[in-house]
Protein backbone atom coordinates (compact mmCIF):
# COMPACT_ATOMS: atom_id res chain seq x y z
CA MET A 1 192.88 63.03 -31.55
CA SER A 2 190.44 60.44 -30.31
CA LEU A 3 189.70 56.93 -31.47
CA SER A 4 186.94 56.15 -33.91
CA GLU A 5 184.32 53.47 -33.35
CA ALA A 6 186.05 51.49 -36.12
CA ASP A 7 189.34 51.60 -34.15
CA ILE A 8 187.57 50.33 -31.04
CA ALA A 9 185.79 47.59 -33.00
CA PHE A 10 189.14 46.49 -34.47
CA ALA A 11 190.67 46.24 -30.97
CA ARG A 12 187.75 44.13 -29.76
CA GLU A 13 188.00 41.89 -32.82
CA LEU A 14 191.78 41.52 -32.49
CA PHE A 15 191.48 40.31 -28.88
CA ALA A 16 188.08 38.61 -29.19
CA ASP A 17 189.43 35.29 -27.90
CA MET A 18 190.64 36.75 -24.61
CA PRO A 19 188.48 35.64 -21.65
CA ASP A 20 186.02 38.23 -20.35
CA LEU A 21 187.35 40.93 -22.71
CA SER A 22 186.39 44.49 -21.83
CA THR A 23 187.51 47.95 -22.87
CA ARG A 24 187.40 51.37 -21.28
CA LYS A 25 187.98 54.73 -22.93
CA MET A 26 190.68 56.75 -21.20
CA PHE A 27 192.73 59.83 -22.08
CA GLY A 28 191.58 59.76 -25.71
CA GLY A 29 192.66 56.10 -26.01
CA LEU A 30 191.36 52.73 -24.89
CA GLY A 31 192.33 50.39 -22.05
CA ILE A 32 191.97 46.71 -23.01
CA TYR A 33 191.27 44.22 -20.21
CA SER A 34 190.88 40.49 -19.70
CA GLN A 35 189.08 39.38 -16.56
CA GLY A 36 189.45 42.88 -15.15
CA THR A 37 193.22 43.17 -15.68
CA ILE A 38 194.57 45.68 -18.18
CA PHE A 39 197.00 44.09 -20.65
CA ALA A 40 197.06 46.55 -23.55
CA LEU A 41 196.30 50.08 -24.65
CA LEU A 42 195.08 51.48 -27.92
CA MET A 43 196.57 54.95 -28.06
CA SER A 44 194.71 57.96 -29.44
CA ASP A 45 196.97 57.78 -32.53
CA SER A 46 195.83 54.14 -33.12
CA ARG A 47 199.05 52.49 -31.85
CA PHE A 48 198.61 49.30 -29.84
CA MET A 49 200.76 48.94 -26.73
CA ILE A 50 201.13 45.70 -24.74
CA LYS A 51 201.86 45.80 -21.02
CA ALA A 52 205.20 44.42 -19.86
CA GLN A 53 207.00 45.26 -16.65
CA ASP A 54 210.77 44.76 -16.50
CA GLY A 55 211.64 41.08 -16.81
CA PRO A 56 211.68 38.21 -19.29
CA PHE A 57 208.53 39.24 -21.18
CA ALA A 58 209.79 42.82 -21.64
CA ASP A 59 213.17 41.42 -22.72
CA ARG A 60 211.39 39.23 -25.28
CA LEU A 61 209.47 42.20 -26.66
CA ALA A 62 212.73 44.16 -26.95
CA SER A 63 214.34 41.25 -28.81
CA MET A 64 211.39 41.34 -31.23
CA GLY A 65 212.18 44.98 -32.01
CA CYS A 66 209.39 46.47 -29.88
CA GLU A 67 210.05 49.77 -28.14
CA LYS A 68 209.05 50.85 -24.66
CA TRP A 69 206.67 53.80 -24.38
CA THR A 70 208.68 56.83 -23.35
CA TYR A 71 207.75 60.47 -23.17
CA THR A 72 209.05 63.82 -21.94
CA ARG A 73 207.39 65.38 -18.91
CA LYS A 74 206.50 69.06 -18.72
CA ASP A 75 209.68 69.67 -16.70
CA GLY A 76 211.77 68.11 -19.48
CA ALA A 77 212.55 64.88 -17.64
CA ALA A 78 212.34 61.61 -19.58
CA SER A 79 209.88 59.05 -18.31
CA SER A 80 208.57 55.67 -19.41
CA MET A 81 205.53 53.50 -18.91
CA PRO A 82 205.39 49.69 -18.71
CA TYR A 83 203.93 49.40 -22.22
CA TRP A 84 205.62 48.36 -25.46
CA ASN A 85 204.46 48.75 -29.04
CA MET A 86 202.98 45.55 -30.43
CA PRO A 87 204.81 43.83 -33.28
CA ASP A 88 203.23 44.57 -36.66
CA ALA A 89 202.72 40.84 -37.30
CA ALA A 90 200.45 40.60 -34.23
CA LEU A 91 198.24 43.36 -35.58
CA ASP A 92 197.50 41.20 -38.62
CA ASP A 93 196.98 37.96 -36.69
CA PRO A 94 194.46 37.74 -33.83
CA ALA A 95 195.94 34.41 -32.67
CA GLU A 96 199.38 36.01 -32.32
CA ALA A 97 197.91 39.11 -30.64
CA CYS A 98 196.04 36.96 -28.13
CA ALA A 99 199.16 34.85 -27.46
CA LEU A 100 201.06 38.04 -26.61
CA ALA A 101 198.16 39.18 -24.44
CA GLN A 102 198.20 35.85 -22.56
CA ASP A 103 201.96 36.18 -22.06
CA ALA A 104 201.52 39.76 -20.81
CA LEU A 105 198.91 38.63 -18.29
CA ALA A 106 201.05 35.70 -17.15
CA ALA A 107 204.00 38.05 -16.58
CA LEU A 108 201.80 40.36 -14.48
CA ARG A 109 200.89 37.56 -12.06
């Protein structure tokens, strides 16, 4: 499944207040960047994922009920990526989504 133009437009609208916002299609989904740094993904199934490496921001996301992106490799081994599903409330509130994006970028520095 690939994203529709409406999905991409929604992502751009949700994060419109991020400085120098850009997007790039990848693997059927969308990378979402601010000033050249990726901070979120829009998956091909329309799920938003926010980037968080291990640490306080990832712990905060976990305490909010967010789950880390995990998958099973071809060899059956479990693996994970440094992305967490975004809270539903942030998907309805661009200010909250952008605040999470700013926190994600701050944690990456």
